[in-house]
Amino acid sequence: MDSIKVDKSARPLSADMYSELRADILSGEIPDNSKLTEHAICKKYNVSRTPVREAFRQLEADGLIENIPNRGAFVTGLSRRDISDLFDLRSLFEIQAVEWAIKRMTTEEIEALRETLEFMEFYTLRNDTEKVMMFNSQFHNILYAGTNDRMIHKALNTYQTYLKHSAPAKTYSKDQLKQILDEHKAIFNAVEAKNTAAGRKAMEQHMEQSKLRRISNYF
């Protein structure tokens, strides 16, 4: 997957440095077990040491790099087990999120969800994987916002980021895109009907299939 592109001349903040390093580690552009030095990262990304040091601290807290005494910082990345566990954790949060969203979403948010689903269908018919995946993420983000819960919203955005950047670029078959669309239609129908039981079931099935698609394509 392509790295996040940031204008280096306008990237003085440690948050930007952290985001780009994280994306490059998850995508494999910076391979696992690579040694990271402040000097090399400053030179590669054209930044000062301050944002690099802060980014290293955040990446270590995330478990993506490890500081080994007398040896330095090394990339740990995500293992296959990590990816599998992330899917399972995301599934638990997504199922809870859709239940809360069904109870709390406004009419305007439901209409935004409908419009996003219509875009997904439009691009599914054109077999445009990139656009389908873009509106797929937007669909879920609307649900997260609809929970009116900042913590679950933040957690799910983090899971999405990790799973997105740790996956190679993929073009799905027409049948797979149709399956993805149908799964989202089932979720939307439950939201529109305000049926929490149906929403939980639809989201659980979507998460199970998402994990299977990932495993079959990348593992």
Protein backbone atom coordinates (compact mmCIF):
# COMPACT_ATOMS: atom_id res chain seq x y z
CA MET A 1 0.00 0.00 0.00
CA ASP A 2 1.29 3.51 -0.78
CA SER A 3 2.62 5.49 2.16
CA ILE A 4 0.80 8.53 3.43
CA LYS A 5 2.12 11.46 1.40
CA VAL A 6 2.86 14.56 3.41
CA ASP A 7 4.40 17.83 2.27
CA LYS A 8 7.67 17.63 4.14
CA SER A 9 8.28 21.37 3.95
CA ALA A 10 5.02 21.93 5.87
CA ARG A 11 5.31 19.11 8.38
CA PRO A 12 6.87 20.47 11.56
CA LEU A 13 4.54 18.70 13.97
CA SER A 14 5.39 15.45 15.70
CA ALA A 15 1.87 14.17 14.96
CA ASP A 16 2.61 14.28 11.23
CA MET A 17 5.94 12.53 11.70
CA TYR A 18 4.28 9.87 13.83
CA SER A 19 1.50 9.29 11.29
CA GLU A 20 3.88 8.89 8.38
CA LEU A 21 6.31 6.63 10.23
CA ARG A 22 3.41 4.51 11.48
CA ALA A 23 2.01 4.14 7.95
CA ASP A 24 5.45 3.25 6.55
CA ILE A 25 5.99 0.61 9.26
CA LEU A 26 2.54 -0.93 8.84
CA SER A 27 2.81 -1.00 5.04
CA GLY A 28 6.23 -2.65 5.16
CA GLU A 29 8.06 0.24 3.53
CA ILE A 30 10.14 0.21 6.69
CA PRO A 31 10.58 -3.57 7.19
CA ASP A 32 10.27 -5.43 10.48
CA ASN A 33 13.51 -5.72 12.45
CA SER A 34 14.92 -2.57 10.81
CA LYS A 35 17.04 -0.44 13.10
CA LEU A 36 15.80 3.13 13.39
CA THR A 37 18.14 5.98 14.23
CA GLU A 38 17.19 9.60 14.74
CA HIS A 39 19.84 10.72 12.27
CA ALA A 40 18.63 8.41 9.48
CA ILE A 41 14.95 9.29 9.99
CA CYS A 42 15.70 13.02 10.12
CA LYS A 43 17.58 12.73 6.84
CA LYS A 44 15.00 10.52 5.11
CA TYR A 45 11.98 12.64 6.06
CA ASN A 46 13.73 16.00 6.17
CA VAL A 47 12.72 16.89 9.73
CA SER A 48 14.44 17.95 12.95
CA ARG A 49 15.17 15.62 15.83
CA THR A 50 12.36 16.87 18.09
CA PRO A 51 9.38 15.45 16.12
CA VAL A 52 11.34 12.25 15.47
CA ARG A 53 11.97 11.69 19.16
CA GLU A 54 8.29 12.26 19.96
CA ALA A 55 7.25 9.93 17.14
CA PHE A 56 9.59 7.23 18.47
CA ARG A 57 7.98 7.54 21.92
CA GLN A 58 4.50 7.15 20.46
CA LEU A 59 5.49 4.24 18.23
CA GLU A 60 7.07 2.48 21.19
CA ALA A 61 3.86 3.00 23.19
CA ASP A 62 1.95 1.48 20.24
CA GLY A 63 4.24 -1.54 20.26
CA LEU A 64 5.44 -0.88 16.71
CA ILE A 65 9.06 -0.28 17.70
CA GLU A 66 11.16 -1.56 20.58
CA ASN A 67 14.06 0.20 22.27
CA ILE A 68 16.70 -2.38 23.16
CA PRO A 69 19.31 -1.18 25.70
CA ASN A 70 22.72 -0.59 24.15
CA ARG A 71 21.40 -1.51 20.70
CA GLY A 72 18.81 1.09 19.76
CA ALA A 73 15.26 1.17 18.33
CA PHE A 74 14.03 -1.66 16.12
CA VAL A 75 10.80 -2.09 14.16
CA THR A 76 8.51 -4.83 15.47
CA GLY A 77 5.53 -4.12 13.17
CA LEU A 78 2.49 -6.41 13.21
CA SER A 79 2.59 -10.18 13.04
CA ARG A 80 -0.10 -12.38 11.47
CA ARG A 81 -1.31 -13.10 14.98
CA ASP A 82 -1.50 -9.35 15.66
CA ILE A 83 -3.61 -8.83 12.53
CA SER A 84 -5.95 -11.68 13.48
CA ASP A 85 -6.33 -10.30 17.00
CA LEU A 86 -6.99 -6.79 15.65
CA PHE A 87 -9.84 -8.14 13.52
CA ASP A 88 -11.35 -9.89 16.54
CA LEU A 89 -11.07 -6.78 18.72
CA ARG A 90 -12.46 -4.57 15.98
CA SER A 91 -15.39 -6.97 15.58
CA LEU A 92 -16.33 -6.63 19.25
CA PHE A 93 -16.22 -2.84 19.06
CA GLU A 94 -18.06 -2.67 15.71
CA ILE A 95 -20.90 -4.82 17.03
CA GLN A 96 -21.26 -2.58 20.08
CA ALA A 97 -20.97 0.53 17.91
CA VAL A 98 -23.78 -0.46 15.57
CA GLU A 99 -26.07 -1.14 18.54
CA TRP A 100 -25.40 2.28 20.02
CA ALA A 101 -25.63 3.95 16.61
CA ILE A 102 -29.06 2.43 15.98
CA LYS A 103 -30.26 3.86 19.29
CA ARG A 104 -28.63 7.27 18.93
CA MET A 105 -28.28 8.25 15.26
CA THR A 106 -30.18 11.29 14.02
CA THR A 107 -32.34 11.31 10.92
CA GLU A 108 -29.64 13.35 9.15
CA GLU A 109 -26.96 10.78 10.01
CA ILE A 110 -29.12 7.94 8.72
CA GLU A 111 -29.63 9.83 5.47
CA ALA A 112 -25.86 10.36 5.21
CA LEU A 113 -25.43 6.61 5.71
CA ARG A 114 -27.98 5.93 2.94
CA GLU A 115 -26.18 8.28 0.55
CA THR A 116 -22.84 6.63 1.29
CA LEU A 117 -24.35 3.22 0.61
CA GLU A 118 -25.69 4.50 -2.72
CA PHE A 119 -22.18 5.61 -3.68
CA MET A 120 -20.87 2.18 -2.70
CA GLU A 121 -23.45 0.57 -4.97
CA PHE A 122 -22.62 2.97 -7.83
CA TYR A 123 -18.93 2.10 -7.72
CA THR A 124 -19.57 -1.60 -7.11
CA LEU A 125 -21.40 -1.73 -10.44
CA ARG A 126 -18.31 -0.15 -12.03
CA ASN A 127 -15.97 -2.58 -10.30
CA ASP A 128 -13.99 0.33 -8.82
CA THR A 129 -12.35 -1.20 -5.74
CA GLU A 130 -10.63 1.99 -4.62
CA LYS A 131 -13.83 4.02 -4.54
CA VAL A 132 -15.83 1.20 -2.95
CA MET A 133 -13.27 0.94 -0.16
CA MET A 134 -13.27 4.71 0.32
CA PHE A 135 -17.05 4.78 0.82
CA ASN A 136 -16.81 1.61 2.87
CA SER A 137 -14.63 3.50 5.37
CA GLN A 138 -16.97 6.49 5.23
CA PHE A 139 -19.95 4.23 5.98
CA HIS A 140 -18.27 2.94 9.12
CA ASN A 141 -17.12 6.40 10.17
CA ILE A 142 -20.72 7.65 10.03
CA LEU A 143 -21.73 4.78 12.30
CA TYR A 144 -18.90 5.59 14.71
CA ALA A 145 -20.00 9.23 14.88
CA GLY A 146 -23.57 8.06 15.39
CA THR A 147 -22.63 6.31 18.63
CA ASN A 148 -21.99 9.70 20.26
CA ASP A 149 -19.18 7.99 22.15
CA ARG A 150 -15.70 9.47 21.73
CA MET A 151 -13.81 6.48 23.12
CA ILE A 152 -15.32 3.82 20.85
CA HIS A 153 -14.98 6.22 17.90
CA LYS A 154 -11.27 6.69 18.64
CA ALA A 155 -10.63 2.97 19.18
CA LEU A 156 -12.33 1.96 15.93
CA ASN A 157 -10.52 4.62 13.92
CA THR A 158 -7.25 3.23 15.29
CA TYR A 159 -8.18 -0.34 14.33
CA GLN A 160 -9.17 0.83 10.84
CA THR A 161 -5.85 2.63 10.41
CA TYR A 162 -3.78 -0.35 11.49
CA LEU A 163 -5.67 -2.83 9.33
CA LYS A 164 -5.74 -0.51 6.30
CA HIS A 165 -2.04 0.33 6.25
CA SER A 166 -0.89 -3.20 7.06
CA ALA A 167 -2.63 -4.61 3.96
CA PRO A 168 -1.18 -4.61 0.44
CA ALA A 169 -3.24 -2.88 -2.24
CA LYS A 170 -6.01 -5.19 -3.40
CA THR A 171 -8.43 -5.29 -6.32
CA TYR A 172 -11.49 -7.33 -5.39
CA SER A 173 -13.43 -9.46 -7.82
CA LYS A 174 -16.94 -8.42 -8.86
CA ASP A 175 -18.38 -11.14 -6.66
CA GLN A 176 -16.39 -9.94 -3.65
CA LEU A 177 -17.43 -6.32 -4.18
CA LYS A 178 -21.06 -7.45 -4.45
CA GLN A 179 -20.68 -9.40 -1.22
CA ILE A 180 -19.21 -6.37 0.55
CA LEU A 181 -22.09 -4.22 -0.70
CA ASP A 182 -24.72 -6.73 0.42
CA GLU A 183 -23.17 -6.87 3.89
CA HIS A 184 -23.41 -3.09 4.19
CA LYS A 185 -26.98 -3.12 2.91
CA ALA A 186 -27.92 -5.53 5.69
CA ILE A 187 -26.34 -3.22 8.26
CA PHE A 188 -28.12 -0.18 6.83
CA ASN A 189 -31.49 -1.95 6.73
CA ALA A 190 -31.12 -2.74 10.43
CA VAL A 191 -30.17 0.86 11.20
CA GLU A 192 -33.11 2.23 9.23
CA ALA A 193 -35.50 -0.20 10.94
CA LYS A 194 -33.90 0.59 14.33
CA ASN A 195 -33.51 -3.14 14.89
CA THR A 196 -30.53 -3.61 17.21
CA ALA A 197 -30.61 -7.41 17.10
CA ALA A 198 -30.51 -7.40 13.30
CA GLY A 199 -27.78 -4.76 13.37
CA ARG A 200 -25.56 -6.79 15.68
CA LYS A 201 -26.06 -9.90 13.56
CA ALA A 202 -25.36 -8.06 10.29
CA MET A 203 -22.21 -6.44 11.68
CA GLU A 204 -20.97 -9.72 13.14
CA GLN A 205 -21.37 -11.41 9.75
CA HIS A 206 -19.66 -8.50 8.00
CA MET A 207 -16.68 -8.64 10.35
CA GLU A 208 -16.39 -12.42 9.96
CA GLN A 209 -16.37 -12.12 6.17
CA SER A 210 -13.94 -9.20 6.25
CA LYS A 211 -11.48 -11.29 8.24
CA LEU A 212 -11.89 -14.25 5.87
CA ARG A 213 -11.28 -12.02 2.84
CA ARG A 214 -8.13 -10.65 4.45
CA ILE A 215 -6.83 -14.06 5.45
CA SER A 216 -7.49 -15.63 2.05
CA ASN A 217 -5.88 -12.73 0.17
CA TYR A 218 -2.87 -11.90 2.32
CA PHE A 219 -2.07 -14.81 4.58
